[in-house]
């Protein structure tokens, strides 16, 4: 099969790898019809995440069609169109029973922290991801969801991570009616966090980024205010000026360790690797929140040390909440929002690129070229099947 192949920082290519096979009675094999490049993939691409091994296939946002199942799989059948959450989870451990699917204790040897994640380095289990024609899906009776007939493929693929992560970011902020919410980052997760903040009762939503076309997009899509941080001297002071010197009720970090905006943080966190990514946005969020406010963190950082102003958080009485999104917990509610027209996920997709051109796709997304917001990769097998189905339909008519 054709698959994305990681060759080192800033080096990926489309390559041929063996087709995945059933390795456990609970496995399924899914023929991928759409996969996305996520901002979290860029942390791997930039060499920010430990134990990202040459030869690994990225991609934790994918949907497809079931083509084979192990003998223990009861809830899926061949031909089912499925959405696969980015978390691998068992459904039976302490954490899964508390719907903390991102912390499953049985899917990752490093499970003192995160559970298994498709296509995300060996610190998250080393599972190959969905930027490929086919993918093995372990514990297939638990994770995948059959996509309802009225949900478009483009909406479904965004429900594997970006949309539920943005939604959970807003949820973890414990937004009250009328709250002022500041979202740091106008990438896909930040865009969905801003949109979700309104759904949860926010009275004011402000998004911070440095890329003008992304700020213009989120302003249109989420009807929010925007700030270009390159035009701000002190973020905490600026947010306080905008909020009658109180600060924001809720601050959301939707950026993580690849953040720009501080020379010292970029040097120590991104270039010298002295900390687990630049903690620029953590400083901004803590310093911009009002006393007694909430900080929600979904931006990805490495599993080691970060220089965080925890004393400020303590003295301000902040509540900090963070985690990988528990995707499956959110899916029923998100489907309701889509059906009701309150959110249209597929509107953020700007680029659909053949899997064969994955190297160019990463370069475009990483370098923010061509006003790229969200990239979807289409494998050749998916295009071939679509062409065959279209020919058959035309023959019937």
Protein backbone atom coordinates (compact mmCIF):
# COMPACT_ATOMS: atom_id res chain seq x y z
CA UNK A 1 0.00 0.00 0.00
CA UNK A 2 0.96 3.63 -0.31
CA UNK A 3 1.65 5.38 2.99
CA UNK A 4 3.29 8.47 4.44
CA UNK A 5 6.82 7.61 5.61
CA UNK A 6 8.70 9.71 8.17
CA UNK A 7 12.41 10.06 7.36
CA UNK A 8 13.41 12.62 10.01
CA UNK A 9 12.57 16.24 10.90
CA UNK A 10 11.06 18.10 7.94
CA UNK A 11 11.42 14.97 5.78
CA UNK A 12 8.37 12.91 4.85
CA UNK A 13 7.49 11.09 1.65
CA UNK A 14 4.92 8.78 0.12
CA UNK A 15 6.28 5.24 0.05
CA UNK A 16 5.11 1.67 -0.30
CA UNK A 17 4.70 -0.37 2.88
CA UNK A 18 3.20 -3.83 3.52
CA UNK A 19 -0.57 -3.89 3.88
CA UNK A 20 -1.67 -4.19 7.53
CA UNK A 21 -3.11 -7.52 8.64
CA UNK A 22 -5.30 -8.78 11.46
CA UNK A 23 -2.93 -9.32 14.40
CA UNK A 24 -5.49 -9.83 17.16
CA UNK A 25 -9.05 -11.23 17.13
CA UNK A 26 -10.38 -7.75 18.04
CA UNK A 27 -8.72 -5.96 15.10
CA UNK A 28 -10.30 -4.47 12.00
CA UNK A 29 -8.66 -3.35 8.78
CA UNK A 30 -9.96 -0.04 7.42
CA UNK A 31 -9.48 1.22 3.88
CA UNK A 32 -8.86 4.91 4.39
CA UNK A 33 -11.01 7.31 2.37
CA UNK A 34 -9.86 10.55 4.03
CA UNK A 35 -7.12 11.49 6.45
CA UNK A 36 -5.98 14.88 7.71
CA UNK A 37 -2.73 16.56 8.59
CA UNK A 38 -3.14 17.86 12.14
CA UNK A 39 -1.26 20.65 13.86
CA UNK A 40 -0.09 17.95 16.27
CA UNK A 41 1.51 16.14 13.32
CA UNK A 42 3.64 19.22 12.83
CA UNK A 43 5.16 18.71 16.29
CA UNK A 44 6.39 15.35 14.98
CA UNK A 45 7.40 16.82 11.61
CA UNK A 46 9.44 19.51 13.36
CA UNK A 47 11.23 16.96 15.57
CA UNK A 48 9.60 18.19 18.79
CA UNK A 49 8.30 14.84 20.12
CA UNK A 50 10.71 12.22 21.53
CA UNK A 51 10.97 8.73 20.03
CA UNK A 52 9.47 9.59 16.65
CA UNK A 53 11.05 6.83 14.61
CA UNK A 54 12.13 6.76 10.97
CA UNK A 55 9.67 4.71 8.94
CA UNK A 56 6.64 5.61 11.06
CA UNK A 57 3.37 6.54 9.37
CA UNK A 58 1.61 9.56 10.88
CA UNK A 59 -2.07 10.37 10.84
CA UNK A 60 -4.51 10.20 13.75
CA UNK A 61 -7.43 11.81 11.90
CA UNK A 62 -8.97 9.38 9.43
CA UNK A 63 -12.16 7.72 8.28
CA UNK A 64 -12.72 4.81 5.95
CA UNK A 65 -14.48 1.57 5.09
CA UNK A 66 -14.09 -1.68 6.99
CA UNK A 67 -12.57 -4.36 4.70
CA UNK A 68 -11.75 -7.08 7.24
CA UNK A 69 -12.47 -7.92 10.87
CA UNK A 70 -11.09 -10.31 13.46
CA UNK A 71 -13.33 -13.07 14.82
CA UNK A 72 -14.06 -11.20 18.07
CA UNK A 73 -15.39 -8.07 16.36
CA UNK A 74 -19.17 -7.92 16.76
CA UNK A 75 -20.10 -4.26 16.32
CA UNK A 76 -18.62 -3.72 12.86
CA UNK A 77 -19.00 -5.53 9.56
CA UNK A 78 -17.23 -5.39 6.22
CA UNK A 79 -18.50 -2.41 4.23
CA UNK A 80 -19.26 -0.19 7.24
CA UNK A 81 -18.25 3.44 6.82
CA UNK A 82 -16.48 4.34 10.04
CA UNK A 83 -15.05 7.29 11.92
CA UNK A 84 -12.01 6.30 14.01
CA UNK A 85 -11.23 8.50 17.06
CA UNK A 86 -7.56 9.37 17.39
CA UNK A 87 -7.44 7.69 20.83
CA UNK A 88 -6.95 3.95 21.05
CA UNK A 89 -8.78 2.70 24.13
CA UNK A 90 -9.89 -0.57 25.66
CA UNK A 91 -13.20 0.47 27.18
CA UNK A 92 -12.59 -1.60 30.32
CA UNK A 93 -9.86 0.02 32.41
CA UNK A 94 -10.43 2.51 35.24
CA UNK A 95 -9.87 5.47 32.94
CA UNK A 96 -12.11 4.27 30.11
CA UNK A 97 -14.90 3.59 32.61
CA UNK A 98 -14.60 7.24 33.63
CA UNK A 99 -14.70 8.28 29.93
CA UNK A 100 -11.05 9.40 30.04
CA UNK A 101 -10.40 7.62 26.76
CA UNK A 102 -7.24 9.63 26.09
CA UNK A 103 -5.69 8.09 29.22
CA UNK A 104 -6.49 4.41 28.60
CA UNK A 105 -4.18 2.20 30.69
CA UNK A 106 -4.05 -0.74 28.28
CA UNK A 107 -3.08 0.74 24.91
CA UNK A 108 0.30 2.29 25.60
CA UNK A 109 3.38 0.97 27.38
CA UNK A 110 3.99 4.58 28.46
CA UNK A 111 0.52 4.69 30.01
CA UNK A 112 1.52 6.53 33.18
CA UNK A 113 0.36 9.49 31.09
CA UNK A 114 -1.28 9.39 27.66
CA UNK A 115 -3.00 6.35 26.18
CA UNK A 116 -2.44 5.07 22.67
CA UNK A 117 -2.67 7.44 19.70
CA UNK A 118 -2.61 6.48 16.02
CA UNK A 119 0.46 7.66 14.13
CA UNK A 120 2.01 9.53 17.04
CA UNK A 121 5.52 8.40 17.96
CA UNK A 122 6.38 5.53 20.26
CA UNK A 123 5.67 7.67 23.33
CA UNK A 124 2.02 7.13 22.38
CA UNK A 125 2.29 3.44 21.62
CA UNK A 126 3.97 3.42 18.21
CA UNK A 127 0.81 2.59 16.24
CA UNK A 128 0.95 3.38 12.53
CA UNK A 129 -1.54 6.03 11.51
CA UNK A 130 -4.05 6.72 8.80
CA UNK A 131 -2.05 8.75 6.25
CA UNK A 132 -2.08 5.56 4.22
CA UNK A 133 -4.38 3.47 2.06
CA UNK A 134 -5.11 0.99 4.85
CA UNK A 135 -4.75 0.97 8.64
CA UNK A 136 -5.06 -1.64 11.37
CA UNK A 137 -7.60 -0.62 14.00
CA UNK A 138 -7.13 -2.50 17.31
CA UNK A 139 -10.02 -2.93 19.75
CA UNK A 140 -12.37 -2.28 16.86
CA UNK A 141 -15.52 -3.00 18.86
CA UNK A 142 -14.77 -0.06 21.16
CA UNK A 143 -13.24 2.87 19.27
CA UNK A 144 -14.74 3.26 15.78
CA UNK A 145 -18.22 4.62 15.20
CA UNK A 146 -20.33 3.84 12.15
CA UNK A 147 -20.91 7.16 10.41
CA UNK A 148 -24.61 8.06 10.10
CA UNK A 149 -25.82 8.28 6.50
CA UNK A 150 -26.63 11.98 6.83
CA UNK A 151 -23.12 12.96 7.99
CA UNK A 152 -20.76 13.99 5.18
CA UNK A 153 -17.34 12.36 4.99
CA UNK A 154 -15.63 15.75 5.33
CA UNK A 155 -17.53 16.45 8.55
CA UNK A 156 -16.82 12.95 9.85
CA UNK A 157 -13.05 13.16 9.39
CA UNK A 158 -13.00 16.39 11.40
CA UNK A 159 -14.82 14.60 14.23
CA UNK A 160 -11.90 12.22 14.71
CA UNK A 161 -9.87 14.92 16.53
CA UNK A 162 -9.98 18.60 15.55
CA UNK A 163 -13.64 19.30 16.32
CA UNK A 164 -13.93 17.29 19.57
CA UNK A 165 -10.59 18.65 20.78
CA UNK A 166 -11.75 22.22 20.22
CA UNK A 167 -15.09 21.38 21.83
CA UNK A 168 -13.42 19.80 24.87
CA UNK A 169 -11.09 22.81 25.15
CA UNK A 170 -14.16 25.00 25.59
CA UNK A 171 -15.81 22.46 27.90
CA UNK A 172 -12.77 22.29 30.17
CA UNK A 173 -12.91 26.09 30.46
CA UNK A 174 -16.20 25.68 32.34
CA UNK A 175 -17.64 28.62 30.42
CA UNK A 176 -20.51 30.43 32.11
CA UNK A 177 -23.11 32.54 30.33
CA UNK A 178 -21.61 35.88 29.34
CA UNK A 179 -17.97 34.89 29.95
CA UNK A 180 -15.09 36.44 28.04
CA UNK A 181 -13.07 33.66 26.40
CA UNK A 182 -9.62 34.12 24.85
CA UNK A 183 -8.40 31.39 22.50
CA UNK A 184 -4.70 31.33 21.70
CA UNK A 185 -4.19 29.86 18.23
CA UNK A 186 -6.24 30.20 15.04
CA UNK A 187 -5.47 26.76 13.68
CA UNK A 188 -8.29 24.22 13.24
CA UNK A 189 -8.52 23.35 16.96
CA UNK A 190 -8.50 27.00 17.99
CA UNK A 191 -11.14 27.79 15.38
CA UNK A 192 -13.39 25.02 16.71
CA UNK A 193 -12.69 26.07 20.30
CA UNK A 194 -13.85 29.59 19.47
CA UNK A 195 -16.99 28.29 17.76
CA UNK A 196 -17.68 25.93 20.67
CA UNK A 197 -17.27 28.74 23.22
CA UNK A 198 -20.36 30.41 21.76
CA UNK A 199 -22.28 27.13 21.98
CA UNK A 200 -21.47 27.02 25.70
CA UNK A 201 -22.72 30.51 26.43
CA UNK A 202 -19.75 32.83 26.00
CA UNK A 203 -20.58 36.53 25.78
CA UNK A 204 -17.32 37.49 24.10
CA UNK A 205 -14.72 35.44 22.20
CA UNK A 206 -11.26 36.70 21.27
CA UNK A 207 -8.74 34.72 19.18
CA UNK A 208 -4.99 35.41 19.18
CA UNK A 209 -2.62 34.47 16.35
CA UNK A 210 0.03 36.06 14.15
CA UNK A 211 -1.11 34.95 10.67
CA UNK A 212 -3.50 37.46 9.13
CA UNK A 213 -5.33 35.08 6.81
CA UNK A 214 -6.02 32.72 9.75
CA UNK A 215 -7.30 35.62 11.85
CA UNK A 216 -9.56 36.72 9.00
CA UNK A 217 -10.86 33.17 8.61
CA UNK A 218 -11.68 32.65 12.30
CA UNK A 219 -13.29 36.09 12.46
CA UNK A 220 -15.69 35.06 9.69
CA UNK A 221 -16.21 31.46 10.79
CA UNK A 222 -16.61 32.02 14.53
CA UNK A 223 -17.81 35.67 14.54
CA UNK A 224 -15.15 36.63 17.07
CA UNK A 225 -12.69 39.41 17.79
CA UNK A 226 -9.05 38.84 16.85
CA UNK A 227 -5.61 39.99 17.98
CA UNK A 228 -2.34 39.74 16.05
CA UNK A 229 0.19 39.13 18.81
CA UNK A 230 2.94 40.71 16.68
CA UNK A 231 1.18 44.01 17.30
CA UNK A 232 1.08 43.58 21.08
CA UNK A 233 3.88 44.41 23.52
CA UNK A 234 2.53 42.60 26.59
CA UNK A 235 -0.26 40.06 26.08
CA UNK A 236 -1.47 39.98 29.70
CA UNK A 237 -1.67 43.76 29.85
CA UNK A 238 -3.39 43.94 26.45
CA UNK A 239 -6.10 41.45 27.44
CA UNK A 240 -6.66 43.31 30.70
CA UNK A 241 -7.09 46.59 28.80
CA UNK A 242 -9.75 44.87 26.68
CA UNK A 243 -11.59 43.58 29.75
CA UNK A 244 -11.84 46.59 32.09
CA UNK A 245 -8.55 45.54 33.73
CA UNK A 246 -10.04 42.28 34.96
CA UNK A 247 -8.63 39.72 32.54
CA UNK A 248 -10.43 36.97 30.66
CA UNK A 249 -12.76 34.55 32.43
CA UNK A 250 -11.38 31.68 30.37
CA UNK A 251 -8.12 31.30 28.44
CA UNK A 252 -7.59 28.38 26.04
CA UNK A 253 -4.16 27.20 24.85
CA UNK A 254 -4.76 25.65 21.42
CA UNK A 255 -1.14 26.02 20.28
CA UNK A 256 1.32 23.96 22.33
CA UNK A 257 5.07 23.70 22.13
CA UNK A 258 5.49 25.07 18.61
CA UNK A 259 4.35 28.53 19.71
CA UNK A 260 6.02 31.66 18.36
CA UNK A 261 6.01 35.05 20.06
CA UNK A 262 8.96 34.88 22.49
CA UNK A 263 12.62 34.76 21.46
CA UNK A 264 13.66 33.22 24.79
CA UNK A 265 10.96 30.53 24.67
CA UNK A 266 11.69 29.72 21.02
CA UNK A 267 15.40 29.40 21.78
CA UNK A 268 15.04 27.20 24.88
CA UNK A 269 11.96 25.24 23.86
CA UNK A 270 12.16 24.78 20.10
CA UNK A 271 15.80 25.15 19.12
CA UNK A 272 17.86 24.03 22.12
CA UNK A 273 15.21 21.56 23.41
CA UNK A 274 15.94 22.65 27.01
CA UNK A 275 12.22 22.41 27.73
CA UNK A 276 9.41 20.43 26.11
CA UNK A 277 8.52 23.09 23.58
CA UNK A 278 8.08 26.84 23.87
CA UNK A 279 5.72 27.59 26.77
CA UNK A 280 4.92 31.06 25.41
CA UNK A 281 1.17 30.52 25.31
CA UNK A 282 1.07 29.01 28.80
CA UNK A 283 2.58 32.26 30.10
CA UNK A 284 0.11 34.34 28.08
CA UNK A 285 -2.88 32.28 29.22
CA UNK A 286 -1.97 32.37 32.91
CA UNK A 287 -1.13 36.07 32.83
CA UNK A 288 -4.22 37.02 30.78
CA UNK A 289 -6.79 35.20 32.91
CA UNK A 290 -8.60 37.07 35.65
CA UNK A 291 -8.18 36.10 39.29
CA UNK A 292 -10.26 32.98 39.92
CA UNK A 293 -10.46 32.31 36.17
CA UNK A 294 -9.93 29.13 34.19
CA UNK A 295 -7.15 28.00 31.85
CA UNK A 296 -7.81 25.13 29.45
CA UNK A 297 -4.88 23.46 27.69
CA UNK A 298 -5.16 21.24 24.61
CA UNK A 299 -1.97 22.37 22.84
CA UNK A 300 0.60 19.57 22.68
CA UNK A 301 3.79 19.70 24.73
CA UNK A 302 6.47 17.06 25.16
CA UNK A 303 6.38 14.78 28.21
CA UNK A 304 9.29 16.50 29.97
CA UNK A 305 10.04 19.78 31.76
CA UNK A 306 8.46 23.15 30.88
CA UNK A 307 9.12 26.52 32.53
CA UNK A 308 5.62 27.56 33.57
CA UNK A 309 4.67 30.52 35.84
CA UNK A 310 2.88 28.30 38.33
CA UNK A 311 3.31 30.89 41.09
CA UNK A 312 1.18 33.35 39.12
CA UNK A 313 -1.48 30.66 38.67
CA UNK A 314 -1.43 29.92 42.41
CA UNK A 315 -1.62 33.55 43.54
CA UNK A 316 -4.42 34.30 41.08
CA UNK A 317 -6.41 31.26 42.19
CA UNK A 318 -6.66 29.87 38.66
CA UNK A 319 -8.13 26.51 37.73
CA UNK A 320 -6.02 24.70 35.14
CA UNK A 321 -7.55 21.82 33.20
CA UNK A 322 -5.95 19.89 30.38
CA UNK A 323 -6.03 16.54 28.59
CA UNK A 324 -6.15 14.78 25.28
CA UNK A 325 -9.73 14.90 24.05
CA UNK A 326 -11.96 11.92 24.86
CA UNK A 327 -13.34 11.91 21.33
CA UNK A 328 -16.04 9.28 21.57
CA UNK A 329 -17.67 10.94 24.57
CA UNK A 330 -18.37 14.05 22.50
CA UNK A 331 -19.57 12.48 19.25
CA UNK A 332 -23.33 12.23 19.98
CA UNK A 333 -23.52 15.91 20.98
CA UNK A 334 -21.39 17.07 18.05
CA UNK A 335 -23.60 15.17 15.61
CA UNK A 336 -26.59 17.00 17.10
CA UNK A 337 -24.86 20.35 16.55
CA UNK A 338 -24.04 19.46 12.93
CA UNK A 339 -27.56 18.28 12.19
CA UNK A 340 -29.00 21.42 13.74
CA UNK A 341 -26.72 23.60 11.59
CA UNK A 342 -25.01 25.17 14.60
CA UNK A 343 -21.60 24.14 13.31
CA UNK A 344 -20.35 23.13 9.86
CA UNK A 345 -16.94 21.50 10.33
CA UNK A 346 -16.09 20.92 6.67
CA UNK A 347 -16.04 24.66 5.99
CA UNK A 348 -12.53 24.85 7.44
CA UNK A 349 -11.09 22.45 4.82
CA UNK A 350 -9.05 24.49 2.35
CA UNK A 351 -6.90 21.84 0.67
CA UNK A 352 -7.60 18.33 -0.64
CA UNK A 353 -4.34 16.76 -1.76
CA UNK A 354 -3.53 13.27 -3.12
CA UNK A 355 -1.62 11.10 -0.66
CA UNK A 356 1.11 10.78 -3.28
CA UNK A 357 1.89 14.46 -2.69
CA UNK A 358 2.11 14.19 1.12
CA UNK A 359 5.54 15.84 1.24
CA UNK A 360 4.19 18.97 -0.48
CA UNK A 361 1.10 18.84 1.72
CA UNK A 362 3.18 18.97 4.90
CA UNK A 363 5.28 21.81 3.53
CA UNK A 364 2.19 23.85 2.63
CA UNK A 365 0.53 23.28 6.00
CA UNK A 366 3.67 23.76 8.06
CA UNK A 367 4.74 26.93 6.25
CA UNK A 368 1.19 28.30 6.13
CA UNK A 369 1.30 28.71 2.36
CA UNK A 370 -1.65 29.27 0.02
CA UNK A 371 -3.84 30.39 2.96
CA UNK A 372 -3.99 26.81 4.21
CA UNK A 373 -6.27 26.15 7.19
CA UNK A 374 -6.91 22.39 7.03
CA UNK A 375 -5.53 19.75 4.68
CA UNK A 376 -7.24 16.48 3.77
CA UNK A 377 -5.25 13.70 2.11
CA UNK A 378 -7.03 11.41 -0.36
CA UNK A 379 -5.41 7.97 -0.91
CA UNK A 380 -5.33 6.59 -4.48
CA UNK A 381 -7.43 3.55 -3.52
CA UNK A 382 -10.20 5.87 -2.29
CA UNK A 383 -10.17 7.77 -5.58
CA UNK A 384 -10.24 4.53 -7.57
CA UNK A 385 -13.21 3.13 -5.63
CA UNK A 386 -15.07 6.42 -6.02
CA UNK A 387 -14.44 6.35 -9.77
CA UNK A 388 -15.71 2.75 -10.03
CA UNK A 389 -18.87 3.59 -8.07
CA UNK A 390 -19.48 6.66 -10.23
CA UNK A 391 -19.11 4.56 -13.40
CA UNK A 392 -21.54 1.97 -12.06
CA UNK A 393 -24.10 4.67 -11.22
CA UNK A 394 -23.77 6.19 -14.67
CA UNK A 395 -24.24 2.76 -16.26
CA UNK A 396 -27.49 2.28 -14.33
CA UNK A 397 -28.83 5.54 -15.68
